[in-house]
Amino acid sequence: MLPVFMFYPLNLSRFFISLAARGSECDLSFLSGRVLIFAAVFSCIAAFPSDESWAYTSDDPAVLALTEKGLDSLNKNVNAKTHYEVNIFHSGGAGEKALAAYAYMKLRHDPSSPVVQQGLRSALFIANSPLSSDPGGEHSKTVYAAAVATLLLAEVDSIKYRTQLKKLDQYFRKAQYSNGAYGYPGQRTGDVSQTQYAILALWTLDNAGIIIDYKGVAATIKWLLRVQDPSGGWPYQATDPGSGSRITQQNVYLGMALAGGSAVLIAADILQLWEKEEKRAAFPGLPKAVIRYEEGMENLAVPRPEMPVEPILASIKDCDNYIAKHSNDKVNWPYYNIYTIERYNSFREKALGLEANMLAPWYDTGVNYLKSNQANDGGWNGTNQYVTKSTAASFAILFLSRSTQKAIEQAATQSLAGGRELPKDTTKITVEKGKIKGKPVAQELGNLLQMLEQDGANNIEGKSIPDNLKLAEDPRERATQLDRMERLVRGSRSWQARRVACRLLGQSDDLGVVPTLIYALSDPDPMVPRYARDGLRFISRKFEGYGLSDSPNAGEIANAQKKWRAWYRTMDPGYVFLDFDL
């Protein structure tokens, strides 16, 4: 049994994947009950690597409809009872709520929503608990709960919750076994499932700029390589041979192969093993001794252990072979595994330099499974009492949205913002599918606006926009550009588009955009109000502004908006703020 707060095994009947006559699409055939044979699609990948019939992407209307219904179901079930107790940090109940909040925040990016607020309370409860004094023993869910608390707090605001994130970092340092693994308190064999979630949390902390135990990450990689089964899979509880050749492990199965492979890939990414040596320097082309400083990114100058890449890639190749050979195996914990599959493939894409958004059979299969199992209320019924509707919906949403892939792209964008991997001509930069390109993105502002108005706007970070972009000199064209940016700030569903548009408006030095910037002070995204605040100060030349911290409360926002509206009326006495401005 896998005693995890969100994942419990259930024997279900199989569903098989059969190729249509042209090998063009997976036809889902069900017998009684349902167990998803996720890995079967890997054999399809080899045969049809670029077949356009694998039609789904996370931006597909059908997928977006599934996702929206799932998000609505989280709202409907916000007060639903968790399986485990909420007020005991090691029981798992608080982790269930933090997981739902993370899925909701990742998609709707609204920290004020009841789902996120409830999850934040749980995440803060977890972070502020005495995690190192875990009495849960073999029933402890602390590693999982601490991991999802980390994901949520970093997603909402890694600066505001810095203290709590550093507490969580200290917990993972103390919870790690001497051999590099993670698991239940009092045990030392190592749990592959818990290890993958601990490593995912450390990856999140690292990308938030927090100095983690990089030597500990290297130790985890070495442990995972040692306990990999000769077949290429991984066990649930591992026997560490200490050194030498792999030994036969017990209880090796498909779900743990994906978990172990994911952990290896994520840990290697933390150590930046996929990056070339010259790209790890503080500034490309300059000596390593040159230290780059960026607010909140205190880990930039910290050296990371060197490790050979070849054994890691060989391990992943063996894992791929295991997955292909066990394509007909029964997979328990379908919702836990469907998120693991997305995570494995997302980090595998980066490690192997694959096209990040290529159409993939495994994704189609997962989408079709979730379509077939979506409940009337838009959510997904848990496999049993241990997997609640909220937990099932959270994993389904994270899979459908390709959340790990987007997190990797966002991390790459943050690297770009800090100056890493910039082409020499910084007026010609773009991020495409998580990769930095040195070709023109917006020689004219109109090109950039067109990108922001498209579905891919979430791949563009405000800080990556060149500072010397200028509005058109022609008054009519300039007015059109400002209008388009204002529309994005007021109405775009993409929080990244709102960020970029708000930043550009703030740099426009145009008094007419002030009402929109005042409106943006109450945007649910944590960064948009900061850009709006800074833009208002620049345009007004009131550099002290009207207060407004980086993480203001509702009263502070309302007070600042009131004062800015009063100031604007001194500039334009006849202006009337309409309802949608207030």
Protein backbone atom coordinates (compact mmCIF):
# COMPACT_ATOMS: atom_id res chain seq x y z
CA MET A 1 0.00 0.00 0.00
CA LEU A 2 1.17 3.52 -0.77
CA PRO A 3 0.06 5.54 2.28
CA VAL A 4 0.03 8.98 0.72
CA PHE A 5 -2.51 11.65 1.62
CA MET A 6 -3.61 12.06 -1.96
CA PHE A 7 -2.88 8.77 -3.65
CA TYR A 8 -4.28 5.38 -2.74
CA PRO A 9 -4.12 2.23 -4.86
CA LEU A 10 -7.25 0.82 -6.38
CA ASN A 11 -7.48 -2.19 -8.63
CA LEU A 12 -9.46 -1.24 -11.68
CA SER A 13 -9.98 -3.05 -14.94
CA ARG A 14 -7.93 -2.04 -17.90
CA PHE A 15 -8.48 0.15 -20.83
CA PHE A 16 -6.43 -0.52 -23.91
CA ILE A 17 -5.13 1.69 -26.63
CA SER A 18 -5.61 0.50 -30.18
CA LEU A 19 -4.48 2.37 -33.24
CA ALA A 20 -7.01 3.27 -35.88
CA ALA A 21 -6.59 1.90 -39.39
CA ARG A 22 -4.11 4.60 -40.35
CA GLY A 23 -2.44 4.58 -36.96
CA SER A 24 -3.81 8.06 -36.64
CA GLU A 25 -5.57 8.12 -33.30
CA CYS A 26 -5.90 6.21 -30.07
CA ASP A 27 -9.33 4.59 -29.73
CA LEU A 28 -10.15 4.14 -26.10
CA SER A 29 -11.72 0.75 -25.43
CA PHE A 30 -13.03 0.05 -21.97
CA LEU A 31 -13.86 -3.12 -20.16
CA SER A 32 -15.58 -3.13 -16.78
CA GLY A 33 -14.02 -0.44 -14.58
CA ARG A 34 -11.14 1.76 -15.60
CA VAL A 35 -7.39 1.62 -15.25
CA LEU A 36 -5.46 3.86 -17.58
CA ILE A 37 -2.65 2.21 -19.48
CA PHE A 38 -0.74 5.45 -19.85
CA ALA A 39 2.56 3.94 -20.85
CA ALA A 40 1.13 2.23 -23.93
CA VAL A 41 1.30 5.51 -25.73
CA PHE A 42 5.09 5.46 -25.60
CA SER A 43 5.10 2.67 -28.15
CA CYS A 44 2.91 4.92 -30.31
CA ILE A 45 5.45 7.74 -30.05
CA ALA A 46 8.16 5.65 -31.63
CA ALA A 47 5.96 4.67 -34.54
CA PHE A 48 4.33 8.03 -35.13
CA PRO A 49 6.64 10.73 -33.73
CA SER A 50 5.25 13.63 -35.74
CA ASP A 51 1.83 12.45 -36.82
CA GLU A 52 -0.44 15.49 -36.91
CA SER A 53 -3.37 13.32 -35.88
CA TRP A 54 -2.21 13.62 -32.27
CA ALA A 55 -4.31 16.70 -32.08
CA TYR A 56 -4.57 17.93 -28.51
CA THR A 57 -2.58 20.72 -26.94
CA SER A 58 -3.26 22.51 -23.67
CA ASP A 59 -4.69 25.42 -25.69
CA ASP A 60 -7.15 23.27 -27.62
CA PRO A 61 -10.76 24.50 -27.10
CA ALA A 62 -11.86 21.03 -25.96
CA VAL A 63 -9.04 20.89 -23.40
CA LEU A 64 -9.75 24.42 -22.20
CA ALA A 65 -13.40 23.48 -21.73
CA LEU A 66 -12.41 20.45 -19.65
CA THR A 67 -10.05 22.57 -17.60
CA GLU A 68 -12.57 25.35 -16.97
CA LYS A 69 -15.16 22.86 -15.76
CA GLY A 70 -12.57 21.30 -13.50
CA LEU A 71 -11.67 24.68 -12.03
CA ASP A 72 -15.33 25.42 -11.44
CA SER A 73 -15.63 22.11 -9.61
CA LEU A 74 -12.84 23.16 -7.24
CA ASN A 75 -14.89 26.24 -6.45
CA LYS A 76 -17.98 24.15 -5.84
CA ASN A 77 -16.09 21.77 -3.57
CA VAL A 78 -14.11 24.41 -1.70
CA ASN A 79 -15.82 23.48 1.58
CA ALA A 80 -15.82 19.74 0.97
CA LYS A 81 -14.42 17.57 3.73
CA THR A 82 -10.88 16.33 3.27
CA HIS A 83 -10.13 12.68 3.84
CA TYR A 84 -7.43 13.41 6.40
CA GLU A 85 -7.57 15.83 9.31
CA VAL A 86 -6.70 19.41 8.48
CA ASN A 87 -5.41 20.61 11.85
CA ILE A 88 -2.58 18.04 12.12
CA PHE A 89 0.34 19.03 9.94
CA HIS A 90 1.55 15.48 9.24
CA SER A 91 -1.90 14.00 8.52
CA GLY A 92 -2.29 15.26 4.95
CA GLY A 93 -5.55 17.22 5.13
CA ALA A 94 -3.84 20.60 4.88
CA GLY A 95 -1.87 19.24 1.94
CA GLU A 96 -5.10 18.35 0.13
CA LYS A 97 -6.30 21.95 0.38
CA ALA A 98 -2.91 23.36 -0.65
CA LEU A 99 -2.89 21.10 -3.71
CA ALA A 100 -6.31 22.32 -4.85
CA ALA A 101 -5.23 25.93 -4.34
CA TYR A 102 -2.05 25.36 -6.37
CA ALA A 103 -3.99 23.93 -9.31
CA TYR A 104 -6.47 26.82 -9.16
CA MET A 105 -3.76 29.47 -8.79
CA LYS A 106 -1.69 28.01 -11.60
CA LEU A 107 -4.57 28.45 -14.03
CA ARG A 108 -6.64 31.39 -12.84
CA HIS A 109 -3.86 33.20 -11.03
CA ASP A 110 -6.28 34.73 -8.55
CA PRO A 111 -4.87 34.75 -5.00
CA SER A 112 -8.10 36.29 -3.69
CA SER A 113 -10.29 33.34 -4.68
CA PRO A 114 -11.78 31.24 -1.84
CA VAL A 115 -9.97 28.15 -3.13
CA VAL A 116 -6.56 29.83 -3.04
CA GLN A 117 -7.20 31.63 0.23
CA GLN A 118 -8.17 28.37 1.91
CA GLY A 119 -5.11 26.67 0.48
CA LEU A 120 -2.87 29.51 1.59
CA ARG A 121 -4.08 29.15 5.16
CA SER A 122 -3.26 25.46 4.99
CA ALA A 123 0.13 26.05 3.37
CA LEU A 124 1.06 28.61 6.02
CA PHE A 125 -0.09 26.21 8.71
CA ILE A 126 2.20 23.55 7.23
CA ALA A 127 5.18 25.89 6.85
CA ASN A 128 4.86 27.25 10.37
CA SER A 129 4.46 23.84 12.01
CA PRO A 130 7.34 21.99 13.74
CA LEU A 131 7.91 19.82 10.67
CA SER A 132 11.17 18.36 11.89
CA SER A 133 9.38 16.89 14.92
CA ASP A 134 7.18 14.62 12.84
CA PRO A 135 5.41 11.98 14.96
CA GLY A 136 3.56 10.47 12.02
CA GLY A 137 5.89 7.57 11.38
CA GLU A 138 4.84 5.34 8.49
CA HIS A 139 1.56 7.25 8.24
CA SER A 140 3.23 10.64 7.83
CA LYS A 141 2.28 12.75 4.82
CA THR A 142 4.63 15.59 5.74
CA VAL A 143 6.93 15.36 2.71
CA TYR A 144 3.97 15.59 0.34
CA ALA A 145 2.25 18.32 2.34
CA ALA A 146 5.42 20.40 2.62
CA ALA A 147 6.04 19.97 -1.11
CA VAL A 148 2.64 21.22 -2.26
CA ALA A 149 2.80 24.03 0.32
CA THR A 150 6.08 25.08 -1.29
CA LEU A 151 4.57 25.03 -4.77
CA LEU A 152 1.60 27.12 -3.70
CA LEU A 153 3.47 29.77 -1.69
CA ALA A 154 6.04 30.25 -4.46
CA GLU A 155 3.31 30.48 -7.08
CA VAL A 156 1.31 33.10 -5.19
CA ASP A 157 4.20 35.35 -4.12
CA SER A 158 7.73 34.09 -3.49
CA ILE A 159 8.77 37.44 -1.99
CA LYS A 160 5.86 37.87 0.40
CA TYR A 161 6.19 34.29 1.67
CA ARG A 162 10.00 34.26 1.74
CA THR A 163 10.20 33.45 5.42
CA GLN A 164 7.89 30.44 5.08
CA LEU A 165 9.69 29.18 1.96
CA LYS A 166 13.00 29.30 3.81
CA LYS A 167 11.44 27.33 6.67
CA LEU A 168 10.35 24.70 4.18
CA ASP A 169 13.88 24.60 2.75
CA GLN A 170 15.20 23.92 6.25
CA TYR A 171 12.67 21.12 6.65
CA PHE A 172 13.81 19.38 3.45
CA ARG A 173 17.44 19.69 4.54
CA LYS A 174 16.67 17.95 7.85
CA ALA A 175 14.26 15.38 6.37
CA GLN A 176 16.73 14.05 3.81
CA TYR A 177 18.26 10.69 4.67
CA SER A 178 22.02 10.34 4.81
CA ASN A 179 21.95 8.32 1.57
CA GLY A 180 20.21 11.15 -0.31
CA ALA A 181 16.65 9.82 -0.25
CA TYR A 182 13.44 10.99 1.44
CA GLY A 183 10.76 8.93 3.10
CA TYR A 184 8.92 8.22 6.32
CA PRO A 185 10.30 9.48 9.65
CA GLY A 186 12.37 6.82 11.39
CA GLN A 187 13.00 4.86 8.18
CA ARG A 188 16.13 5.06 6.05
CA THR A 189 15.53 2.86 3.01
CA GLY A 190 14.14 5.66 0.84
CA ASP A 191 10.75 6.21 -0.77
CA VAL A 192 10.87 7.00 -4.50
CA SER A 193 7.42 8.60 -4.53
CA GLN A 194 8.20 10.96 -1.65
CA THR A 195 11.62 11.71 -3.09
CA GLN A 196 10.16 12.98 -6.35
CA TYR A 197 7.91 15.44 -4.48
CA ALA A 198 10.77 16.63 -2.27
CA ILE A 199 12.90 17.27 -5.37
CA LEU A 200 10.03 19.08 -7.09
CA ALA A 201 9.76 21.36 -4.04
CA LEU A 202 13.52 22.00 -4.10
CA TRP A 203 13.34 22.86 -7.80
CA THR A 204 10.61 25.36 -6.97
CA LEU A 205 12.63 26.89 -4.12
CA ASP A 206 15.69 27.16 -6.35
CA ASN A 207 13.72 28.96 -9.04
CA ALA A 208 12.40 31.32 -6.37
CA GLY A 209 16.00 32.32 -5.70
CA ILE A 210 16.44 30.49 -2.40
CA ILE A 211 19.76 28.81 -1.68
CA ILE A 212 19.00 25.14 -1.21
CA ASP A 213 21.30 22.23 -0.36
CA TYR A 214 22.78 21.60 -3.80
CA LYS A 215 25.10 18.90 -2.48
CA GLY A 216 22.00 17.21 -1.11
CA VAL A 217 20.44 17.31 -4.59
CA ALA A 218 23.52 15.64 -6.03
CA ALA A 219 23.25 12.98 -3.31
CA THR A 220 19.64 12.34 -4.34
CA ILE A 221 20.67 11.82 -7.96
CA LYS A 222 23.37 9.33 -6.91
CA TRP A 223 20.87 7.44 -4.72
CA LEU A 224 18.30 7.27 -7.52
CA LEU A 225 20.90 5.93 -9.95
CA ARG A 226 22.01 3.32 -7.40
CA VAL A 227 18.53 2.02 -6.65
CA GLN A 228 17.27 1.88 -10.24
CA ASP A 229 16.25 -1.69 -11.02
CA PRO A 230 18.22 -3.51 -13.75
CA SER A 231 15.00 -3.42 -15.79
CA GLY A 232 15.14 0.40 -15.87
CA GLY A 233 12.24 0.98 -13.50
CA TRP A 234 12.23 2.01 -9.87
CA PRO A 235 10.71 0.44 -6.76
CA TYR A 236 8.40 2.06 -4.26
CA GLN A 237 10.71 1.40 -1.27
CA ALA A 238 14.30 0.99 -2.43
CA THR A 239 17.16 -1.18 -1.24
CA ASP A 240 20.39 0.77 -1.56
CA PRO A 241 23.31 -1.39 -2.72
CA GLY A 242 25.70 1.34 -1.60
CA SER A 243 27.87 1.08 -4.70
CA GLY A 244 28.55 -1.12 -7.67
CA SER A 245 26.04 -2.55 -10.10
CA ARG A 246 22.29 -2.29 -9.78
CA ILE A 247 20.53 -4.97 -7.81
CA THR A 248 17.07 -6.43 -8.28
CA GLN A 249 14.55 -4.32 -6.39
CA GLN A 250 11.20 -5.38 -5.00
CA ASN A 251 7.83 -3.87 -5.94
CA VAL A 252 8.99 -2.23 -9.19
CA TYR A 253 6.11 -0.90 -11.26
CA LEU A 254 5.20 1.66 -13.88
CA GLY A 255 4.09 4.46 -11.59
CA MET A 256 7.38 4.37 -9.70
CA ALA A 257 9.38 4.24 -12.94
CA LEU A 258 7.79 7.55 -13.89
CA ALA A 259 8.33 8.92 -10.39
CA GLY A 260 11.99 7.89 -10.26
CA GLY A 261 12.68 9.15 -13.77
CA SER A 262 10.99 12.46 -12.94
CA ALA A 263 13.08 12.88 -9.80
CA VAL A 264 16.32 12.25 -11.69
CA LEU A 265 15.42 14.76 -14.40
CA ILE A 266 14.26 17.45 -11.97
CA ALA A 267 17.33 17.09 -9.77
CA ALA A 268 19.65 17.30 -12.78
CA ASP A 269 17.84 20.45 -13.86
CA ILE A 270 18.40 22.01 -10.41
CA LEU A 271 22.15 21.45 -10.88
CA GLN A 272 21.89 22.99 -14.37
CA LEU A 273 23.49 19.90 -15.89
CA TRP A 274 21.81 20.51 -19.24
CA GLU A 275 23.42 23.93 -19.57
CA LYS A 276 26.82 24.39 -21.13
CA GLU A 277 29.62 25.64 -18.92
CA GLU A 278 29.80 29.09 -20.44
CA LYS A 279 26.08 29.61 -19.90
CA ARG A 280 26.39 29.02 -16.16
CA ALA A 281 28.56 32.08 -15.68
CA ALA A 282 27.08 35.09 -13.92
CA PHE A 283 27.34 36.99 -17.20
CA PRO A 284 28.07 35.12 -20.44
CA GLY A 285 31.50 36.06 -21.75
CA LEU A 286 32.75 37.36 -18.39
CA PRO A 287 34.68 35.51 -15.66
CA LYS A 288 32.74 33.49 -13.10
CA ALA A 289 34.06 35.82 -10.42
CA VAL A 290 31.74 38.52 -11.73
CA ILE A 291 28.72 38.22 -9.45
CA ARG A 292 25.29 39.13 -10.69
CA TYR A 293 22.78 40.50 -8.22
CA GLU A 294 19.04 40.38 -8.67
CA GLU A 295 16.56 41.14 -5.93
CA GLY A 296 15.19 37.97 -4.40
CA MET A 297 17.58 35.72 -6.37
CA GLU A 298 20.24 35.18 -3.75
CA ASN A 299 21.28 31.81 -5.20
CA LEU A 300 22.59 33.08 -8.53
CA ALA A 301 26.27 33.11 -7.56
CA VAL A 302 26.17 29.85 -5.57
CA PRO A 303 28.23 27.09 -7.26
CA ARG A 304 26.48 23.81 -7.95
CA PRO A 305 28.11 20.38 -7.85
CA GLU A 306 29.46 19.06 -11.12
CA MET A 307 28.23 15.65 -12.23
CA PRO A 308 28.69 13.70 -15.46
CA VAL A 309 25.61 13.86 -17.65
CA GLU A 310 26.10 10.55 -19.44
CA PRO A 311 25.02 8.23 -16.57
CA ILE A 312 21.91 10.33 -16.04
CA LEU A 313 20.92 10.21 -19.70
CA ALA A 314 21.64 6.46 -19.73
CA SER A 315 19.34 6.07 -16.72
CA ILE A 316 16.54 7.92 -18.52
CA LYS A 317 17.05 5.79 -21.62
CA ASP A 318 16.69 2.68 -19.48
CA CYS A 319 13.56 4.17 -17.92
CA ASP A 320 12.11 4.83 -21.37
CA ASN A 321 12.78 1.22 -22.31
CA TYR A 322 11.07 0.00 -19.14
CA ILE A 323 8.03 2.13 -19.92
CA ALA A 324 7.84 0.76 -23.46
CA LYS A 325 8.14 -2.87 -22.31
CA HIS A 326 5.49 -2.43 -19.63
CA SER A 327 3.03 -0.58 -21.83
CA ASN A 328 0.23 -3.00 -20.97
CA ASP A 329 0.75 -2.88 -17.22
CA LYS A 330 -2.06 -1.91 -14.93
CA VAL A 331 -1.59 1.56 -13.46
CA ASN A 332 -3.04 2.27 -10.03
CA TRP A 333 -3.60 5.76 -8.68
CA PRO A 334 -4.59 7.13 -12.12
CA TYR A 335 -4.81 10.80 -11.09
CA TYR A 336 -1.53 10.75 -9.21
CA ASN A 337 0.11 9.08 -12.20
CA ILE A 338 -1.39 11.33 -14.85
CA TYR A 339 0.31 14.35 -13.27
CA THR A 340 3.56 12.36 -12.93
CA ILE A 341 3.43 11.53 -16.64
CA GLU A 342 3.13 15.20 -17.55
CA ARG A 343 6.01 16.09 -15.24
CA TYR A 344 8.25 13.30 -16.57
CA ASN A 345 7.70 14.25 -20.18
CA SER A 346 8.11 17.98 -19.57
CA PHE A 347 11.52 17.60 -17.93
CA ARG A 348 12.47 14.91 -20.45
CA GLU A 349 11.75 17.36 -23.27
CA LYS A 350 14.19 19.85 -21.76
CA ALA A 351 16.90 17.29 -21.00
CA LEU A 352 16.86 15.80 -24.49
CA GLY A 353 16.35 19.11 -26.30
CA LEU A 354 13.01 18.03 -27.73
CA GLU A 355 10.33 20.29 -29.13
CA ALA A 356 8.41 21.43 -26.06
CA ASN A 357 5.01 21.72 -27.69
CA MET A 358 5.07 18.83 -30.11
CA LEU A 359 1.84 16.90 -30.38
CA ALA A 360 2.11 13.79 -28.23
CA PRO A 361 0.15 10.53 -28.03
CA TRP A 362 0.54 10.32 -24.25
CA TYR A 363 -1.16 13.69 -23.87
CA ASP A 364 -4.01 12.72 -26.22
CA THR A 365 -4.56 9.53 -24.25
CA GLY A 366 -4.69 11.40 -20.96
CA VAL A 367 -7.09 14.00 -22.34
CA ASN A 368 -9.42 11.31 -23.68
CA TYR A 369 -9.33 9.49 -20.36
CA LEU A 370 -10.24 12.65 -18.48
CA LYS A 371 -12.99 13.47 -20.98
CA SER A 372 -14.48 10.04 -20.45
CA ASN A 373 -14.35 10.31 -16.67
CA GLN A 374 -15.42 13.90 -16.08
CA ALA A 375 -18.38 14.06 -13.71
CA ASN A 376 -21.53 16.09 -14.26
CA ASP A 377 -20.31 18.87 -11.98
CA GLY A 378 -17.14 19.27 -14.06
CA GLY A 379 -14.81 17.51 -11.66
CA TRP A 380 -13.56 13.95 -11.41
CA ASN A 381 -14.69 11.43 -8.86
CA GLY A 382 -11.89 10.18 -6.67
CA THR A 383 -10.95 6.54 -7.05
CA ASN A 384 -12.08 5.93 -3.47
CA GLN A 385 -12.38 7.69 -0.12
CA TYR A 386 -8.63 8.36 0.01
CA VAL A 387 -8.68 10.32 -3.25
CA THR A 388 -11.32 13.01 -2.95
CA LYS A 389 -12.98 14.84 -5.84
CA SER A 390 -10.82 17.86 -5.07
CA THR A 391 -7.59 15.88 -5.25
CA ALA A 392 -8.59 14.10 -8.45
CA ALA A 393 -9.62 17.39 -10.07
CA SER A 394 -6.37 19.07 -9.02
CA PHE A 395 -4.19 16.44 -10.68
CA ALA A 396 -6.42 16.39 -13.76
CA ILE A 397 -6.18 20.18 -14.13
CA LEU A 398 -2.41 20.19 -13.69
CA PHE A 399 -2.12 17.54 -16.41
CA LEU A 400 -4.51 19.20 -18.86
CA SER A 401 -2.78 22.58 -18.57
CA ARG A 402 0.73 21.12 -19.03
CA SER A 403 1.52 22.89 -15.76
CA THR A 404 5.07 21.53 -15.45
CA GLN A 405 5.94 22.57 -18.98
CA LYS A 406 4.66 26.07 -18.25
CA ALA A 407 6.64 26.18 -14.99
CA ILE A 408 9.80 25.27 -16.91
CA GLU A 409 9.07 27.97 -19.49
CA GLN A 410 8.44 30.48 -16.72
CA ALA A 411 11.75 29.55 -15.07
CA ALA A 412 13.52 30.08 -18.40
CA THR A 413 11.87 33.47 -18.72
CA GLN A 414 13.05 34.43 -15.25
CA SER A 415 16.57 33.49 -16.30
CA LEU A 416 16.20 35.78 -19.26
CA ALA A 417 14.97 38.58 -17.02
CA GLY A 418 18.06 38.23 -14.86
CA GLY A 419 20.44 38.49 -17.78
CA ARG A 420 21.40 34.86 -18.36
CA GLU A 421 21.69 33.64 -21.93
CA LEU A 422 20.90 37.03 -23.45
CA PRO A 423 21.93 37.56 -27.08
CA LYS A 424 24.27 40.50 -27.61
CA ASP A 425 21.52 42.65 -29.12
CA THR A 426 18.94 42.82 -26.36
CA THR A 427 16.51 44.69 -28.59
CA LYS A 428 16.05 41.42 -30.47
CA ILE A 429 15.03 38.86 -27.89
CA THR A 430 12.16 36.45 -27.51
CA VAL A 431 11.27 33.32 -25.62
CA GLU A 432 9.88 30.56 -27.80
CA LYS A 433 8.66 27.40 -26.17
CA GLY A 434 10.91 27.96 -23.19
CA LYS A 435 14.00 28.73 -25.29
CA ILE A 436 15.64 32.12 -25.67
CA LYS A 437 15.94 33.23 -29.27
CA GLY A 438 18.02 36.03 -30.70
CA LYS A 439 15.69 37.08 -33.49
CA PRO A 440 13.47 40.17 -33.49
CA VAL A 441 10.36 39.86 -31.37
CA ALA A 442 9.01 43.37 -31.70
CA GLN A 443 10.90 45.71 -33.95
CA GLU A 444 7.64 47.56 -33.85
CA LEU A 445 5.45 47.66 -30.78
CA GLY A 446 2.57 46.40 -32.92
CA ASN A 447 4.30 43.04 -33.32
CA LEU A 448 4.56 42.66 -29.56
CA LEU A 449 0.93 43.64 -29.03
CA GLN A 450 -0.11 41.03 -31.54
CA MET A 451 1.81 38.41 -29.55
CA LEU A 452 0.18 39.55 -26.31
CA GLU A 453 -3.28 39.25 -27.82
CA GLN A 454 -2.67 35.64 -28.84
CA ASP A 455 -3.04 32.50 -26.75
CA GLY A 456 0.72 32.19 -26.20
CA ALA A 457 0.95 35.36 -24.13
CA ASN A 458 1.78 33.42 -20.98
CA ASN A 459 5.20 32.63 -22.47
CA ILE A 460 6.21 36.29 -22.34
CA GLU A 461 7.39 37.91 -19.13
CA GLY A 462 7.23 41.67 -18.65
CA LYS A 463 10.85 41.95 -17.57
CA SER A 464 12.03 40.35 -20.81
CA ILE A 465 10.74 43.26 -22.92
CA PRO A 466 13.51 45.63 -24.05
CA ASP A 467 13.46 48.92 -22.19
CA ASN A 468 13.88 50.98 -25.33
CA LEU A 469 10.67 49.97 -27.06
CA LYS A 470 8.93 53.13 -28.22
CA LEU A 471 5.36 53.96 -29.13
CA ALA A 472 4.66 54.97 -32.70
CA GLU A 473 5.34 58.61 -33.54
CA ASP A 474 2.20 58.89 -35.62
CA PRO A 475 -0.52 60.16 -33.21
CA ARG A 476 -3.23 57.87 -34.58
CA GLU A 477 -1.06 54.78 -34.49
CA ARG A 478 0.18 55.71 -31.01
CA ALA A 479 -3.40 56.09 -29.76
CA THR A 480 -4.27 52.69 -31.21
CA GLN A 481 -1.32 51.07 -29.47
CA LEU A 482 -2.25 52.59 -26.13
CA ASP A 483 -5.86 51.51 -26.57
CA ARG A 484 -4.83 47.93 -27.29
CA MET A 485 -2.62 47.84 -24.20
CA GLU A 486 -5.39 49.27 -22.04
CA ARG A 487 -7.77 46.63 -23.34
CA LEU A 488 -5.26 43.93 -22.42
CA VAL A 489 -4.85 45.28 -18.89
CA ARG A 490 -8.60 45.50 -18.36
CA GLY A 491 -9.74 42.34 -20.10
CA SER A 492 -7.03 39.80 -20.93
CA ARG A 493 -7.40 36.39 -19.29
CA SER A 494 -3.62 35.99 -19.54
CA TRP A 495 -1.93 37.31 -16.43
CA GLN A 496 1.36 37.51 -18.34
CA ALA A 497 -0.27 39.67 -21.03
CA ARG A 498 -1.65 41.96 -18.34
CA ARG A 499 1.80 42.19 -16.77
CA VAL A 500 3.55 43.13 -19.99
CA ALA A 501 0.84 45.56 -21.13
CA CYS A 502 0.76 47.25 -17.71
CA ARG A 503 4.51 47.65 -17.69
CA LEU A 504 4.48 49.19 -21.17
CA LEU A 505 1.66 51.56 -20.25
CA GLY A 506 3.62 52.66 -17.20
CA GLN A 507 6.59 53.49 -19.42
CA SER A 508 4.48 55.40 -21.97
CA ASP A 509 4.54 58.67 -19.99
CA ASP A 510 1.04 59.31 -21.28
CA LEU A 511 -1.37 60.92 -18.83
CA GLY A 512 -4.37 59.34 -20.53
CA VAL A 513 -3.49 55.83 -19.36
CA VAL A 514 -3.62 56.78 -15.67
CA PRO A 515 -7.23 55.55 -15.12
CA THR A 516 -6.28 52.14 -16.49
CA LEU A 517 -3.22 51.98 -14.25
CA ILE A 518 -5.37 52.94 -11.26
CA TYR A 519 -7.76 50.13 -12.22
CA ALA A 520 -4.80 47.72 -12.47
CA LEU A 521 -3.82 48.35 -8.84
CA SER A 522 -6.51 45.85 -7.86
CA ASP A 523 -5.51 43.16 -10.39
CA PRO A 524 -5.48 39.69 -8.73
CA ASP A 525 -2.02 38.96 -10.11
CA PRO A 526 0.67 39.99 -7.60
CA MET A 527 2.93 41.66 -10.20
CA VAL A 528 0.43 43.74 -12.20
CA PRO A 529 -0.31 46.13 -9.29
CA ARG A 530 3.43 46.68 -8.82
CA TYR A 531 3.87 47.66 -12.47
CA ALA A 532 0.79 49.88 -12.21
CA ARG A 533 2.09 51.55 -9.04
CA ASP A 534 5.51 52.20 -10.55
CA GLY A 535 3.93 53.49 -13.77
CA LEU A 536 1.72 55.92 -11.86
CA ARG A 537 4.71 57.25 -9.96
CA PHE A 538 6.66 57.73 -13.18
CA ILE A 539 3.89 59.43 -15.13
CA SER A 540 2.86 61.68 -12.22
CA ARG A 541 6.47 62.40 -11.17
CA LYS A 542 5.21 61.71 -7.65
CA PHE A 543 7.93 59.20 -6.96
CA GLU A 544 6.84 58.67 -3.38
CA GLY A 545 3.40 57.73 -4.68
CA TYR A 546 0.59 57.00 -2.27
CA GLY A 547 2.04 54.10 -0.39
CA LEU A 548 1.14 50.62 -1.66
CA SER A 549 3.58 47.92 -0.65
CA ASP A 550 4.61 44.99 -2.84
CA SER A 551 1.95 42.84 -1.15
CA PRO A 552 -0.88 45.22 -0.22
CA ASN A 553 -4.12 44.26 1.46
CA ALA A 554 -7.53 45.25 0.12
CA GLY A 555 -7.76 48.34 2.33
CA GLU A 556 -4.36 49.59 1.20
CA ILE A 557 -5.31 49.13 -2.44
CA ALA A 558 -8.63 50.95 -2.05
CA ASN A 559 -6.95 53.84 -0.27
CA ALA A 560 -4.25 54.19 -2.95
CA GLN A 561 -6.83 54.07 -5.75
CA LYS A 562 -8.88 56.76 -4.04
CA LYS A 563 -5.86 59.06 -3.73
CA TRP A 564 -4.69 58.46 -7.29
CA ARG A 565 -8.19 59.22 -8.63
CA ALA A 566 -8.22 62.46 -6.64
CA TRP A 567 -4.80 63.37 -8.06
CA TYR A 568 -5.91 62.60 -11.62
CA ARG A 569 -8.92 64.88 -11.28
CA THR A 570 -6.54 67.75 -10.55
CA MET A 571 -5.00 67.05 -13.97
CA ASP A 572 -8.31 66.45 -15.75
CA PRO A 573 -11.15 67.98 -13.65
CA GLY A 574 -13.83 66.84 -16.09
CA TYR A 575 -12.90 63.17 -16.04
CA VAL A 576 -15.59 60.86 -14.68
CA PHE A 577 -14.48 57.50 -13.33
CA LEU A 578 -17.06 54.96 -14.48
CA ASP A 579 -18.11 51.87 -12.56
CA PHE A 580 -15.55 49.69 -14.32
CA ASP A 581 -12.79 52.10 -13.23
CA LEU A 582 -13.66 51.79 -9.54
